[in-house]
Amino acid sequence: MRSLAICLMFAAPLQAQDAMNGPEFDAYVTGKTITFRTEANPAYGVERYLPNRRVMWSAFDGTCKYGVWFESKGDICFRYDDIPLAQCWTMYDEPNGLRGVYTTNPNTTVIFEVLGRDDPLICNDLSS
């Protein structure tokens, strides 16, 4: 009987992590500045999450972009002042921080929150 229980335990499919919805994402990010990395780039960018779903993004190149985020079809999407197309991500709250899977152009980018980093936004030109 015990071996049957062990077999059933291992036979059960692993439960997939649920994607964050808008209110969950809002509660996690508002008031924070978060540094992101990718597998290939340890310094992908920094985003500051302001009240009312406003954001400020810096990709470490000295340019900051202002924008807003919103929930659309289960994704968290960002629209920046200089980019007309929304940039959408499926966001997950994982033990090592946020993980975002880019859905605007699938199978291209996955970002990870870098816990313990306090990188400032690098903004040489705030006119964008």
Protein backbone atom coordinates (compact mmCIF):
# COMPACT_ATOMS: atom_id res chain seq x y z
CA MET A 1 0.00 0.00 0.00
CA ARG A 2 2.81 2.36 0.91
CA SER A 3 4.55 1.79 -2.45
CA LEU A 4 1.27 2.56 -4.26
CA ALA A 5 1.02 5.91 -2.47
CA ILE A 6 4.61 6.76 -3.41
CA CYS A 7 3.98 5.79 -7.04
CA LEU A 8 0.86 7.95 -7.18
CA MET A 9 2.72 10.87 -5.66
CA PHE A 10 5.39 10.73 -8.38
CA ALA A 11 2.90 10.02 -11.15
CA ALA A 12 0.87 13.17 -10.45
CA PRO A 13 1.77 16.00 -12.83
CA LEU A 14 3.65 18.92 -11.36
CA GLN A 15 1.41 21.90 -10.87
CA ALA A 16 2.37 24.81 -13.10
CA GLN A 17 3.12 28.16 -11.52
CA ASP A 18 0.20 30.53 -11.97
CA ALA A 19 0.87 33.78 -13.80
CA MET A 20 0.37 36.98 -11.81
CA ASN A 21 -2.73 39.02 -12.55
CA GLY A 22 -2.84 42.82 -12.53
CA PRO A 23 -3.68 43.30 -8.83
CA GLU A 24 -1.01 40.78 -7.76
CA PHE A 25 1.62 42.44 -9.95
CA ASP A 26 0.58 45.90 -8.67
CA ALA A 27 0.91 44.79 -5.05
CA TYR A 28 4.36 43.31 -5.72
CA VAL A 29 5.94 46.17 -7.70
CA THR A 30 4.41 49.51 -6.71
CA GLY A 31 6.97 51.71 -4.99
CA LYS A 32 9.89 49.47 -5.94
CA THR A 33 12.80 49.80 -8.32
CA ILE A 34 13.65 46.37 -9.74
CA THR A 35 16.77 45.29 -11.63
CA PHE A 36 16.27 42.63 -14.30
CA ARG A 37 18.64 40.22 -16.00
CA THR A 38 18.38 37.62 -18.73
CA GLU A 39 20.32 34.37 -19.05
CA ALA A 40 22.75 36.13 -21.42
CA ASN A 41 22.76 39.63 -19.92
CA PRO A 42 23.30 40.21 -16.18
CA ALA A 43 22.32 43.88 -16.60
CA TYR A 44 19.20 43.87 -18.79
CA GLY A 45 17.60 46.94 -17.20
CA VAL A 46 16.03 48.68 -14.24
CA GLU A 47 12.39 49.65 -13.84
CA ARG A 48 10.86 51.96 -11.26
CA TYR A 49 7.20 51.28 -10.50
CA LEU A 50 5.36 54.46 -9.64
CA PRO A 51 1.81 54.99 -8.35
CA ASN A 52 -1.13 54.64 -10.74
CA ARG A 53 0.61 51.96 -12.81
CA ARG A 54 3.20 54.37 -14.18
CA VAL A 55 6.76 53.17 -14.85
CA MET A 56 10.19 54.47 -15.69
CA TRP A 57 12.60 52.12 -17.53
CA SER A 58 16.38 52.36 -17.94
CA ALA A 59 18.38 49.88 -20.02
CA PHE A 60 21.77 51.00 -18.58
CA ASP A 61 22.46 53.06 -21.70
CA GLY A 62 21.65 56.46 -20.16
CA THR A 63 18.17 56.71 -21.64
CA CYS A 64 15.03 56.48 -19.53
CA LYS A 65 11.58 55.84 -20.88
CA TYR A 66 8.34 56.75 -19.21
CA GLY A 67 5.32 54.53 -19.60
CA VAL A 68 2.39 52.75 -18.05
CA TRP A 69 1.54 49.12 -17.46
CA PHE A 70 -1.82 47.37 -17.75
CA GLU A 71 -3.23 43.87 -17.72
CA SER A 72 -4.34 42.43 -21.06
CA LYS A 73 -5.46 38.86 -21.75
CA GLY A 74 -3.66 37.58 -18.66
CA ASP A 75 -0.38 39.35 -19.45
CA ILE A 76 1.23 42.42 -17.93
CA CYS A 77 1.80 44.89 -20.77
CA PHE A 78 3.88 48.05 -20.91
CA ARG A 79 3.40 50.99 -23.23
CA TYR A 80 6.24 53.50 -23.32
CA ASP A 81 6.02 57.05 -24.67
CA ASP A 82 8.30 56.34 -27.65
CA ILE A 83 7.08 52.82 -28.52
CA PRO A 84 3.53 52.56 -29.91
CA LEU A 85 3.29 48.76 -29.60
CA ALA A 86 2.59 47.35 -26.14
CA GLN A 87 5.32 45.10 -24.74
CA CYS A 88 3.59 42.18 -22.99
CA TRP A 89 4.94 39.65 -20.50
CA THR A 90 3.54 36.73 -18.53
CA MET A 91 4.84 37.46 -15.03
CA TYR A 92 5.46 34.91 -12.28
CA ASP A 93 6.22 35.49 -8.59
CA GLU A 94 8.83 32.84 -7.82
CA PRO A 95 10.99 32.19 -4.75
CA ASN A 96 13.95 33.95 -6.41
CA GLY A 97 11.89 36.97 -7.50
CA LEU A 98 9.90 37.86 -10.58
CA ARG A 99 10.26 35.97 -13.83
CA GLY A 100 8.81 37.46 -16.99
CA VAL A 101 8.25 35.63 -20.28
CA TYR A 102 7.95 37.99 -23.25
CA THR A 103 4.74 37.23 -25.13
CA THR A 104 4.72 40.05 -27.70
CA ASN A 105 7.35 38.07 -29.62
CA PRO A 106 7.17 34.56 -28.10
CA ASN A 107 10.24 32.42 -27.45
CA THR A 108 12.62 35.37 -27.45
CA THR A 109 13.18 36.80 -23.97
CA VAL A 110 12.83 35.71 -20.36
CA ILE A 111 13.74 38.20 -17.65
CA PHE A 112 14.53 37.56 -14.00
CA GLU A 113 14.45 39.92 -11.03
CA VAL A 114 17.86 40.34 -9.43
CA LEU A 115 17.21 40.23 -5.70
CA GLY A 116 19.45 42.32 -3.46
CA ARG A 117 20.43 44.81 -6.17
CA ASP A 118 19.75 48.49 -5.68
CA ASP A 119 20.70 49.86 -9.10
CA PRO A 120 19.67 53.43 -9.82
CA LEU A 121 17.98 54.43 -13.03
CA ILE A 122 20.56 55.90 -15.40
CA CYS A 123 18.86 58.85 -17.05
CA ASN A 124 21.02 61.19 -19.10
CA ASP A 125 18.03 62.46 -21.06
CA LEU A 126 14.70 62.76 -19.27
CA SER A 127 12.91 64.17 -22.30
CA SER A 128 11.87 60.76 -23.65
